């Protein structure tokens, strides 16, 4: 899942995929605005077959936290 997330971040934010780590802050380090985050999360939700509640989105600021959350929801 980490590779899928970094691939999407690189695509949507025109970022260097190799520079994205689990500790990368999506908003601060990658300068992601809300619209881009929503679009990317929608794509991730479709790919993973899950739904990320709006209140949870605010908590998932680091790449690692996002990956862990998606993986935990996919196991349910």
PDB file of N, CA and C in Angstrom:
ATOM      1  N   UNK A   1       0.818  -1.195   0.000  1.00  0.00           N
ATOM      2  CA  UNK A   1       0.000   0.000   0.000  1.00  0.00           C
ATOM      3  C   UNK A   1       0.865   1.264   0.000  1.00  0.00           C
ATOM      4  N   UNK A   2       2.021   1.190   0.662  1.00  0.00           N
ATOM      5  CA  UNK A   2       2.915   2.349   0.694  1.00  0.00           C
ATOM      6  C   UNK A   2       3.281   2.793  -0.716  1.00  0.00           C
ATOM      7  N   UNK A   3       3.586   1.830  -1.581  1.00  0.00           N
ATOM      8  CA  UNK A   3       3.953   2.169  -2.958  1.00  0.00           C
ATOM      9  C   UNK A   3       2.796   2.831  -3.704  1.00  0.00           C
ATOM     10  N   UNK A   4       1.574   2.336  -3.483  1.00  0.00           N
ATOM     11  CA  UNK A   4       0.408   2.939  -4.136  1.00  0.00           C
ATOM     12  C   UNK A   4       0.213   4.379  -3.677  1.00  0.00           C
ATOM     13  N   UNK A   5       0.351   4.598  -2.370  1.00  0.00           N
ATOM     14  CA  UNK A   5       0.156   5.934  -1.818  1.00  0.00           C
ATOM     15  C   UNK A   5       1.231   6.891  -2.336  1.00  0.00           C
ATOM     16  N   UNK A   6       2.485   6.457  -2.315  1.00  0.00           N
ATOM     17  CA  UNK A   6       3.549   7.348  -2.785  1.00  0.00           C
ATOM     18  C   UNK A   6       3.427   7.614  -4.285  1.00  0.00           C
ATOM     19  N   UNK A   7       2.983   6.618  -5.020  1.00  0.00           N
ATOM     20  CA  UNK A   7       2.766   6.792  -6.463  1.00  0.00           C
ATOM     21  C   UNK A   7       1.710   7.882  -6.715  1.00  0.00           C
ATOM     22  N   UNK A   8       0.603   7.806  -5.975  1.00  0.00           N
ATOM     23  CA  UNK A   8      -0.455   8.805  -6.132  1.00  0.00           C
ATOM     24  C   UNK A   8      -0.002  10.189  -5.679  1.00  0.00           C
ATOM     25  N   UNK A   9       0.707  10.249  -4.569  1.00  0.00           N
ATOM     26  CA  UNK A   9       1.207  11.546  -4.103  1.00  0.00           C
ATOM     27  C   UNK A   9       2.136  12.166  -5.141  1.00  0.00           C
ATOM     28  N   UNK A  10       3.015  11.368  -5.680  1.00  0.00           N
ATOM     29  CA  UNK A  10       3.943  11.869  -6.697  1.00  0.00           C
ATOM     30  C   UNK A  10       3.183  12.368  -7.924  1.00  0.00           C
ATOM     31  N   UNK A  11       2.153  11.628  -8.305  1.00  0.00           N
ATOM     32  CA  UNK A  11       1.364  11.993  -9.485  1.00  0.00           C
ATOM     33  C   UNK A  11       0.567  13.276  -9.237  1.00  0.00           C
ATOM     34  N   UNK A  12      -0.190  13.305  -8.155  1.00  0.00           N
ATOM     35  CA  UNK A  12      -1.063  14.447  -7.880  1.00  0.00           C
ATOM     36  C   UNK A  12      -0.295  15.714  -7.498  1.00  0.00           C
ATOM     37  N   UNK A  13       0.849  15.549  -6.834  1.00  0.00           N
ATOM     38  CA  UNK A  13       1.581  16.709  -6.324  1.00  0.00           C
ATOM     39  C   UNK A  13       2.860  16.999  -7.099  1.00  0.00           C
ATOM     40  N   UNK A  14       3.080  16.220  -8.152  1.00  0.00           N
ATOM     41  CA  UNK A  14       4.294  16.368  -8.951  1.00  0.00           C
ATOM     42  C   UNK A  14       5.536  16.377  -8.051  1.00  0.00           C
ATOM     43  N   UNK A  15       5.544  15.406  -7.135  1.00  0.00           N
ATOM     44  CA  UNK A  15       6.640  15.268  -6.178  1.00  0.00           C
ATOM     45  C   UNK A  15       7.545  14.117  -6.583  1.00  0.00           C
ATOM     46  N   UNK A  16       8.754  14.122  -6.055  1.00  0.00           N
ATOM     47  CA  UNK A  16       9.710  13.049  -6.302  1.00  0.00           C
ATOM     48  C   UNK A  16       9.332  11.861  -5.415  1.00  0.00           C
ATOM     49  N   UNK A  17       8.883  10.787  -6.028  1.00  0.00           N
ATOM     50  CA  UNK A  17       8.417   9.612  -5.276  1.00  0.00           C
ATOM     51  C   UNK A  17       9.493   9.091  -4.331  1.00  0.00           C
ATOM     52  N   UNK A  18      10.732   9.119  -4.747  1.00  0.00           N
ATOM     53  CA  UNK A  18      11.817   8.576  -3.917  1.00  0.00           C
ATOM     54  C   UNK A  18      12.071   9.420  -2.668  1.00  0.00           C
ATOM     55  N   UNK A  19      11.585  10.648  -2.652  1.00  0.00           N
ATOM     56  CA  UNK A  19      11.779  11.524  -1.495  1.00  0.00           C
ATOM     57  C   UNK A  19      10.664  11.375  -0.461  1.00  0.00           C
ATOM     58  N   UNK A  20       9.612  10.630  -0.796  1.00  0.00           N
ATOM     59  CA  UNK A  20       8.474  10.470   0.110  1.00  0.00           C
ATOM     60  C   UNK A  20       8.722   9.286   1.034  1.00  0.00           C
ATOM     61  N   UNK A  21       8.650   9.550   2.343  1.00  0.00           N
ATOM     62  CA  UNK A  21       8.848   8.503   3.343  1.00  0.00           C
ATOM     63  C   UNK A  21       7.589   8.397   4.208  1.00  0.00           C
ATOM     64  N   UNK A  22       7.581   7.458   5.124  1.00  0.00           N
ATOM     65  CA  UNK A  22       6.447   7.308   6.046  1.00  0.00           C
ATOM     66  C   UNK A  22       6.291   8.548   6.924  1.00  0.00           C
ATOM     67  N   UNK A  23       7.380   9.269   7.156  1.00  0.00           N
ATOM     68  CA  UNK A  23       7.338  10.459   8.015  1.00  0.00           C
ATOM     69  C   UNK A  23       7.021  11.744   7.258  1.00  0.00           C
ATOM     70  N   UNK A  24       6.847  11.664   5.954  1.00  0.00           N
ATOM     71  CA  UNK A  24       6.534  12.851   5.156  1.00  0.00           C
ATOM     72  C   UNK A  24       5.153  13.378   5.534  1.00  0.00           C
ATOM     73  N   UNK A  25       5.089  14.673   5.827  1.00  0.00           N
ATOM     74  CA  UNK A  25       3.812  15.324   6.120  1.00  0.00           C
ATOM     75  C   UNK A  25       3.204  15.762   4.787  1.00  0.00           C
ATOM     76  N   UNK A  26       2.032  15.265   4.505  1.00  0.00           N
ATOM     77  CA  UNK A  26       1.419  15.473   3.193  1.00  0.00           C
ATOM     78  C   UNK A  26       1.175  16.952   2.916  1.00  0.00           C
ATOM     79  N   UNK A  27       0.680  17.680   3.904  1.00  0.00           N
ATOM     80  CA  UNK A  27       0.397  19.106   3.692  1.00  0.00           C
ATOM     81  C   UNK A  27       1.655  19.963   3.750  1.00  0.00           C
ATOM     82  N   UNK A  28       2.445  19.780   4.808  1.00  0.00           N
ATOM     83  CA  UNK A  28       3.606  20.651   5.030  1.00  0.00           C
ATOM     84  C   UNK A  28       4.766  20.341   4.091  1.00  0.00           C
ATOM     85  N   UNK A  29       5.145  19.069   4.002  1.00  0.00           N
ATOM     86  CA  UNK A  29       6.327  18.704   3.207  1.00  0.00           C
ATOM     87  C   UNK A  29       6.052  18.675   1.711  1.00  0.00           C
ATOM     88  N   UNK A  30       4.816  18.327   1.338  1.00  0.00           N
ATOM     89  CA  UNK A  30       4.491  18.201  -0.082  1.00  0.00           C
ATOM     90  C   UNK A  30       3.614  19.340  -0.595  1.00  0.00           C
ATOM     91  N   UNK A  31       3.301  20.285   0.290  1.00  0.00           N
ATOM     92  CA  UNK A  31       2.496  21.457  -0.083  1.00  0.00           C
ATOM     93  C   UNK A  31       1.164  21.091  -0.726  1.00  0.00           C
ATOM     94  N   UNK A  32       0.523  20.075  -0.176  1.00  0.00           N
ATOM     95  CA  UNK A  32      -0.756  19.630  -0.728  1.00  0.00           C
ATOM     96  C   UNK A  32      -1.879  20.523  -0.218  1.00  0.00           C
ATOM     97  N   UNK A  33      -2.737  20.962  -1.132  1.00  0.00           N
ATOM     98  CA  UNK A  33      -3.904  21.724  -0.695  1.00  0.00           C
ATOM     99  C   UNK A  33      -5.080  20.769  -0.529  1.00  0.00           C
ATOM    100  N   UNK A  34      -6.143  21.265   0.075  1.00  0.00           N
ATOM    101  CA  UNK A  34      -7.294  20.422   0.412  1.00  0.00           C
ATOM    102  C   UNK A  34      -7.905  19.738  -0.800  1.00  0.00           C
ATOM    103  N   UNK A  35      -8.017  20.431  -1.907  1.00  0.00           N
ATOM    104  CA  UNK A  35      -8.630  19.860  -3.104  1.00  0.00           C
ATOM    105  C   UNK A  35      -7.836  18.664  -3.611  1.00  0.00           C
ATOM    106  N   UNK A  36      -6.538  18.797  -3.665  1.00  0.00           N
ATOM    107  CA  UNK A  36      -5.687  17.705  -4.139  1.00  0.00           C
ATOM    108  C   UNK A  36      -5.779  16.517  -3.188  1.00  0.00           C
ATOM    109  N   UNK A  37      -5.802  16.802  -1.900  1.00  0.00           N
ATOM    110  CA  UNK A  37      -5.905  15.719  -0.911  1.00  0.00           C
ATOM    111  C   UNK A  37      -7.216  14.967  -1.083  1.00  0.00           C
ATOM    112  N   UNK A  38      -8.310  15.691  -1.261  1.00  0.00           N
ATOM    113  CA  UNK A  38      -9.616  15.057  -1.446  1.00  0.00           C
ATOM    114  C   UNK A  38      -9.620  14.188  -2.695  1.00  0.00           C
ATOM    115  N   UNK A  39      -9.080  14.689  -3.797  1.00  0.00           N
ATOM    116  CA  UNK A  39      -9.029  13.915  -5.043  1.00  0.00           C
ATOM    117  C   UNK A  39      -8.202  12.643  -4.864  1.00  0.00           C
ATOM    118  N   UNK A  40      -7.048  12.791  -4.211  1.00  0.00           N
ATOM    119  CA  UNK A  40      -6.171  11.649  -4.017  1.00  0.00           C
ATOM    120  C   UNK A  40      -6.825  10.617  -3.098  1.00  0.00           C
ATOM    121  N   UNK A  41      -7.451  11.073  -2.013  1.00  0.00           N
ATOM    122  CA  UNK A  41      -8.103  10.149  -1.096  1.00  0.00           C
ATOM    123  C   UNK A  41      -9.268   9.431  -1.759  1.00  0.00           C
ATOM    124  N   UNK A  42      -9.996  10.121  -2.622  1.00  0.00           N
ATOM    125  CA  UNK A  42     -11.090   9.486  -3.350  1.00  0.00           C
ATOM    126  C   UNK A  42     -10.555   8.332  -4.194  1.00  0.00           C
ATOM    127  N   UNK A  43      -9.444   8.562  -4.861  1.00  0.00           N
ATOM    128  CA  UNK A  43      -8.817   7.519  -5.676  1.00  0.00           C
ATOM    129  C   UNK A  43      -8.361   6.357  -4.794  1.00  0.00           C
ATOM    130  N   UNK A  44      -7.740   6.656  -3.655  1.00  0.00           N
ATOM    131  CA  UNK A  44      -7.293   5.610  -2.740  1.00  0.00           C
ATOM    132  C   UNK A  44      -8.467   4.801  -2.194  1.00  0.00           C
ATOM    133  N   UNK A  45      -9.552   5.485  -1.868  1.00  0.00           N
ATOM    134  CA  UNK A  45     -10.742   4.790  -1.372  1.00  0.00           C
ATOM    135  C   UNK A  45     -11.279   3.817  -2.412  1.00  0.00           C
ATOM    136  N   UNK A  46     -11.325   4.257  -3.663  1.00  0.00           N
ATOM    137  CA  UNK A  46     -11.794   3.385  -4.742  1.00  0.00           C
ATOM    138  C   UNK A  46     -10.881   2.179  -4.909  1.00  0.00           C
ATOM    139  N   UNK A  47      -9.576   2.413  -4.908  1.00  0.00           N
ATOM    140  CA  UNK A  47      -8.616   1.322  -5.098  1.00  0.00           C
ATOM    141  C   UNK A  47      -8.662   0.314  -3.962  1.00  0.00           C
ATOM    142  N   UNK A  48      -8.807   0.815  -2.733  1.00  0.00           N
ATOM    143  CA  UNK A  48      -8.758  -0.056  -1.564  1.00  0.00           C
ATOM    144  C   UNK A  48     -10.132  -0.604  -1.170  1.00  0.00           C
ATOM    145  N   UNK A  49     -11.192  -0.032  -1.746  1.00  0.00           N
ATOM    146  CA  UNK A  49     -12.533  -0.480  -1.414  1.00  0.00           C
ATOM    147  C   UNK A  49     -12.958  -0.094  -0.002  1.00  0.00           C
ATOM    148  N   UNK A  50     -12.502   1.072   0.446  1.00  0.00           N
ATOM    149  CA  UNK A  50     -12.834   1.554   1.793  1.00  0.00           C
ATOM    150  C   UNK A  50     -13.379   2.970   1.708  1.00  0.00           C
ATOM    151  N   UNK A  51     -13.846   3.473   2.862  1.00  0.00           N
ATOM    152  CA  UNK A  51     -14.258   4.863   2.973  1.00  0.00           C
ATOM    153  C   UNK A  51     -13.499   5.472   4.138  1.00  0.00           C
ATOM    154  N   UNK A  52     -12.922   6.644   3.914  1.00  0.00           N
ATOM    155  CA  UNK A  52     -12.216   7.348   4.977  1.00  0.00           C
ATOM    156  C   UNK A  52     -13.119   8.487   5.438  1.00  0.00           C
ATOM    157  N   UNK A  53     -13.604   8.426   6.691  1.00  0.00           N
ATOM    158  CA  UNK A  53     -14.487   9.484   7.190  1.00  0.00           C
ATOM    159  C   UNK A  53     -13.783  10.845   7.196  1.00  0.00           C
ATOM    160  N   UNK A  54     -14.549  11.905   6.948  1.00  0.00           N
ATOM    161  CA  UNK A  54     -13.981  13.257   6.893  1.00  0.00           C
ATOM    162  C   UNK A  54     -13.205  13.614   8.150  1.00  0.00           C
ATOM    163  N   UNK A  55     -13.737  13.245   9.321  1.00  0.00           N
ATOM    164  CA  UNK A  55     -13.049  13.596  10.569  1.00  0.00           C
ATOM    165  C   UNK A  55     -11.707  12.872  10.695  1.00  0.00           C
ATOM    166  N   UNK A  56     -11.578  11.722  10.059  1.00  0.00           N
ATOM    167  CA  UNK A  56     -10.321  10.964  10.101  1.00  0.00           C
ATOM    168  C   UNK A  56      -9.273  11.591   9.176  1.00  0.00           C
ATOM    169  N   UNK A  57      -9.721  12.205   8.103  1.00  0.00           N
ATOM    170  CA  UNK A  57      -8.805  12.805   7.125  1.00  0.00           C
ATOM    171  C   UNK A  57      -7.900  13.834   7.801  1.00  0.00           C
ATOM    172  N   UNK A  58      -8.454  14.624   8.702  1.00  0.00           N
ATOM    173  CA  UNK A  58      -7.676  15.658   9.390  1.00  0.00           C
ATOM    174  C   UNK A  58      -6.547  15.071  10.230  1.00  0.00           C
ATOM    175  N   UNK A  59      -6.731  13.846  10.714  1.00  0.00           N
ATOM    176  CA  UNK A  59      -5.722  13.193  11.555  1.00  0.00           C
ATOM    177  C   UNK A  59      -4.604  12.563  10.727  1.00  0.00           C
ATOM    178  N   UNK A  60      -4.897  12.217   9.504  1.00  0.00           N
ATOM    179  CA  UNK A  60      -3.953  11.470   8.673  1.00  0.00           C
ATOM    180  C   UNK A  60      -3.049  12.418   7.897  1.00  0.00           C
ATOM    181  N   UNK A  61      -2.138  13.060   8.613  1.00  0.00           N
ATOM    182  CA  UNK A  61      -1.280  14.052   7.982  1.00  0.00           C
ATOM    183  C   UNK A  61       0.022  13.465   7.447  1.00  0.00           C
ATOM    184  N   UNK A  62       0.473  12.379   8.061  1.00  0.00           N
ATOM    185  CA  UNK A  62       1.730  11.749   7.628  1.00  0.00           C
ATOM    186  C   UNK A  62       1.429  10.575   6.708  1.00  0.00           C
ATOM    187  N   UNK A  63       2.311  10.337   5.767  1.00  0.00           N
ATOM    188  CA  UNK A  63       2.144   9.245   4.810  1.00  0.00           C
ATOM    189  C   UNK A  63       1.993   7.912   5.535  1.00  0.00           C
ATOM    190  N   UNK A  64       2.822   7.667   6.526  1.00  0.00           N
ATOM    191  CA  UNK A  64       2.768   6.405   7.263  1.00  0.00           C
ATOM    192  C   UNK A  64       1.432   6.196   7.955  1.00  0.00           C
ATOM    193  N   UNK A  65       0.885   7.255   8.548  1.00  0.00           N
ATOM    194  CA  UNK A  65      -0.411   7.152   9.228  1.00  0.00           C
ATOM    195  C   UNK A  65      -1.514   6.823   8.228  1.00  0.00           C
ATOM    196  N   UNK A  66      -1.455   7.437   7.059  1.00  0.00           N
ATOM    197  CA  UNK A  66      -2.441   7.176   6.018  1.00  0.00           C
ATOM    198  C   UNK A  66      -2.358   5.729   5.547  1.00  0.00           C
ATOM    199  N   UNK A  67      -1.155   5.258   5.289  1.00  0.00           N
ATOM    200  CA  UNK A  67      -0.948   3.870   4.845  1.00  0.00           C
ATOM    201  C   UNK A  67      -1.452   2.896   5.898  1.00  0.00           C
ATOM    202  N   UNK A  68      -1.087   3.133   7.153  1.00  0.00           N
ATOM    203  CA  UNK A  68      -1.518   2.233   8.240  1.00  0.00           C
ATOM    204  C   UNK A  68      -3.038   2.208   8.357  1.00  0.00           C
ATOM    205  N   UNK A  69      -3.672   3.364   8.241  1.00  0.00           N
ATOM    206  CA  UNK A  69      -5.134   3.427   8.354  1.00  0.00           C
ATOM    207  C   UNK A  69      -5.795   2.651   7.210  1.00  0.00           C
ATOM    208  N   UNK A  70      -5.341   2.870   6.001  1.00  0.00           N
ATOM    209  CA  UNK A  70      -5.923   2.175   4.847  1.00  0.00           C
ATOM    210  C   UNK A  70      -5.768   0.663   5.017  1.00  0.00           C
ATOM    211  N   UNK A  71      -4.581   0.229   5.391  1.00  0.00           N
ATOM    212  CA  UNK A  71      -4.338  -1.207   5.563  1.00  0.00           C
ATOM    213  C   UNK A  71      -5.222  -1.787   6.664  1.00  0.00           C
ATOM    214  N   UNK A  72      -5.425  -1.047   7.748  1.00  0.00           N
ATOM    215  CA  UNK A  72      -6.260  -1.549   8.834  1.00  0.00           C
ATOM    216  C   UNK A  72      -7.720  -1.666   8.398  1.00  0.00           C
ATOM    217  N   UNK A  73      -8.176  -0.745   7.555  1.00  0.00           N
ATOM    218  CA  UNK A  73      -9.561  -0.774   7.078  1.00  0.00           C
ATOM    219  C   UNK A  73      -9.782  -1.869   6.038  1.00  0.00           C
ATOM    220  N   UNK A  74      -8.751  -2.185   5.278  1.00  0.00           N
ATOM    221  CA  UNK A  74      -8.868  -3.223   4.255  1.00  0.00           C
ATOM    222  C   UNK A  74      -8.999  -4.605   4.883  1.00  0.00           C
ATOM    223  N   UNK A  75      -8.522  -4.786   6.097  1.00  0.00           N
ATOM    224  CA  UNK A  75      -8.553  -6.087   6.775  1.00  0.00           C
ATOM    225  C   UNK A  75      -9.930  -6.378   7.354  1.00  0.00           C
ATOM    226  N   UNK A  76     -10.780  -5.373   7.446  1.00  0.00           N
ATOM    227  CA  UNK A  76     -12.104  -5.557   8.053  1.00  0.00           C
ATOM    228  C   UNK A  76     -13.062  -6.218   7.104  1.00  0.00           C
TER     229      UNK A  76
END
